[in-house]
Amino acid sequence: MVSVFISAFVVLVCAQNIQAEKQTATTITHLLSSSETAHLSRLAAEGDPKAAFRLGLDAEEREAPIEEQIFWMQIAQENGHPYAMSGLSAMYYRKGGEFACIRSLYWLKKFHNAEIERDKKYDDLERRNREKFVESADKCK
């Protein structure tokens, strides 16, 4: 029962965070062309977190293999994109399996402990509730 609640909560929180980022991070609403992908790939390789995040979103939108989605989100996170941790959490959750579940919770906890500017919907009560969830979800089953 607890694992069903945890799973539902992780999906909901991650989906909300990624949806908020999709609405605010970029005005691009189409799948990337091969030339756009090449250009953004170069920028991401040079350390541009927004380019890497956009590539991760594009990989998700076109239902690329989860490893590709995680690859770009990882680069975005390494270069300081504030919502990449949430994206990684959601992607690891979708990947499935015990290891991926543990990584999903790890990134969710890091995201909610990060000192980043948040949308108004992330008030103190919601944040405390999420922190309690993450603290109580030490093990994935």
Protein backbone atom coordinates (compact mmCIF):
# COMPACT_ATOMS: atom_id res chain seq x y z
CA MET A 1 0.00 0.00 0.00
CA VAL A 2 2.76 2.43 0.93
CA SER A 3 4.70 1.68 -2.27
CA VAL A 4 1.56 2.42 -4.35
CA PHE A 5 1.24 5.79 -2.59
CA ILE A 6 4.93 6.53 -3.08
CA SER A 7 4.77 5.61 -6.76
CA ALA A 8 1.72 7.77 -7.37
CA PHE A 9 3.26 10.68 -5.48
CA VAL A 10 6.56 10.50 -7.39
CA VAL A 11 4.75 10.46 -10.74
CA LEU A 12 2.51 13.38 -9.76
CA VAL A 13 5.28 15.59 -8.40
CA CYS A 14 7.66 14.88 -11.28
CA ALA A 15 4.96 15.41 -13.88
CA GLN A 16 4.00 18.75 -12.31
CA ASN A 17 7.61 19.93 -12.21
CA ILE A 18 8.37 18.94 -15.79
CA GLN A 19 5.10 20.45 -17.03
CA ALA A 20 5.90 23.73 -15.27
CA GLU A 21 9.35 23.74 -16.86
CA LYS A 22 7.96 22.98 -20.31
CA GLN A 23 5.66 26.01 -19.96
CA THR A 24 8.30 28.42 -18.68
CA ALA A 25 11.67 27.27 -20.02
CA THR A 26 11.08 27.54 -23.72
CA THR A 27 8.59 28.67 -26.27
CA ILE A 28 9.57 25.85 -28.62
CA THR A 29 6.55 23.62 -29.05
CA HIS A 30 7.69 21.40 -31.91
CA LEU A 31 9.97 18.44 -32.21
CA LEU A 32 13.48 19.46 -33.12
CA SER A 33 14.75 19.12 -36.68
CA SER A 34 18.03 17.34 -37.30
CA SER A 35 19.83 20.68 -37.74
CA GLU A 36 18.33 22.05 -34.50
CA THR A 37 19.33 18.86 -32.71
CA ALA A 38 22.88 19.13 -34.03
CA HIS A 39 23.12 22.78 -32.98
CA LEU A 40 21.71 22.15 -29.49
CA SER A 41 23.90 19.07 -29.08
CA ARG A 42 26.98 21.19 -29.68
CA LEU A 43 25.78 23.82 -27.21
CA ALA A 44 25.01 21.13 -24.63
CA ALA A 45 28.46 19.61 -25.10
CA GLU A 46 29.90 23.08 -24.43
CA GLY A 47 27.97 23.26 -21.14
CA ASP A 48 24.70 24.99 -22.03
CA PRO A 49 22.14 23.60 -19.55
CA LYS A 50 19.10 24.96 -21.42
CA ALA A 51 20.20 23.26 -24.64
CA ALA A 52 20.67 19.94 -22.86
CA PHE A 53 17.30 20.29 -21.10
CA ARG A 54 15.57 21.05 -24.40
CA LEU A 55 17.19 17.96 -25.95
CA GLY A 56 15.95 15.91 -23.00
CA LEU A 57 12.42 17.23 -23.45
CA ASP A 58 12.61 16.57 -27.17
CA ALA A 59 13.79 13.00 -26.55
CA GLU A 60 10.85 12.55 -24.17
CA GLU A 61 8.34 14.05 -26.63
CA ARG A 62 9.42 11.78 -29.47
CA GLU A 63 9.53 8.79 -27.11
CA ALA A 64 13.23 8.12 -27.65
CA PRO A 65 14.79 5.35 -25.56
CA ILE A 66 14.80 6.29 -21.88
CA GLU A 67 18.61 6.13 -21.83
CA GLU A 68 18.74 9.01 -24.33
CA GLN A 69 16.28 11.04 -22.26
CA ILE A 70 18.35 10.45 -19.11
CA PHE A 71 21.59 11.28 -20.97
CA TRP A 72 20.44 14.79 -21.88
CA MET A 73 18.82 15.47 -18.50
CA GLN A 74 22.04 14.38 -16.78
CA ILE A 75 24.04 16.87 -18.85
CA ALA A 76 21.51 19.60 -18.06
CA GLN A 77 21.76 18.80 -14.34
CA GLU A 78 25.56 18.72 -14.39
CA ASN A 79 25.53 22.20 -15.89
CA GLY A 80 23.10 23.64 -13.37
CA HIS A 81 19.65 23.50 -14.94
CA PRO A 82 17.28 23.91 -11.97
CA TYR A 83 14.58 21.50 -13.17
CA ALA A 84 16.84 18.79 -14.57
CA MET A 85 16.88 17.00 -11.19
CA SER A 86 13.10 16.72 -11.35
CA GLY A 87 13.32 15.54 -14.95
CA LEU A 88 15.87 12.89 -13.99
CA SER A 89 13.60 11.70 -11.19
CA ALA A 90 10.64 11.30 -13.56
CA MET A 91 12.71 9.57 -16.23
CA TYR A 92 14.29 7.11 -13.83
CA TYR A 93 10.83 6.38 -12.46
CA ARG A 94 9.53 5.59 -15.96
CA LYS A 95 12.56 3.40 -16.63
CA GLY A 96 11.44 1.03 -13.87
CA GLY A 97 13.33 -1.45 -11.75
CA GLU A 98 14.80 -1.23 -8.28
CA PHE A 99 17.95 0.71 -9.24
CA ALA A 100 15.96 3.22 -11.29
CA CYS A 101 13.47 3.62 -8.42
CA ILE A 102 16.29 4.41 -6.01
CA ARG A 103 17.78 6.93 -8.48
CA SER A 104 14.34 8.47 -8.98
CA LEU A 105 13.96 9.06 -5.25
CA TYR A 106 17.54 10.35 -5.02
CA TRP A 107 16.93 13.02 -7.68
CA LEU A 108 13.52 13.90 -6.27
CA LYS A 109 15.07 14.47 -2.85
CA LYS A 110 17.91 16.55 -4.32
CA PHE A 111 15.42 18.64 -6.29
CA HIS A 112 13.29 19.38 -3.27
CA ASN A 113 16.29 20.19 -1.11
CA ALA A 114 17.80 22.47 -3.76
CA GLU A 115 17.71 26.17 -3.18
CA ILE A 116 16.13 27.27 -6.44
CA GLU A 117 13.46 29.80 -7.22
CA ARG A 118 10.18 27.95 -7.34
CA ASP A 119 6.80 28.59 -8.81
CA LYS A 120 4.20 30.00 -6.38
CA LYS A 121 2.45 26.64 -6.25
CA TYR A 122 5.42 25.25 -4.32
CA ASP A 123 4.51 26.82 -1.00
CA ASP A 124 6.11 25.85 2.31
CA LEU A 125 3.42 23.32 3.24
CA GLU A 126 3.79 21.42 -0.02
CA ARG A 127 7.57 21.41 0.33
CA ARG A 128 7.39 20.06 3.91
CA ASN A 129 4.97 17.34 2.80
CA ARG A 130 7.28 16.31 -0.04
CA GLU A 131 10.30 16.28 2.27
CA LYS A 132 8.45 14.00 4.70
CA PHE A 133 7.61 11.70 1.80
CA VAL A 134 11.20 11.52 0.59
CA GLU A 135 12.53 10.90 4.10
CA SER A 136 10.07 8.05 4.65
CA ALA A 137 10.77 6.47 1.24
CA ASP A 138 14.28 5.27 1.94
CA LYS A 139 13.74 1.95 0.20
CA CYS A 140 12.14 1.11 -3.10
CA LYS A 141 10.19 -2.10 -3.40
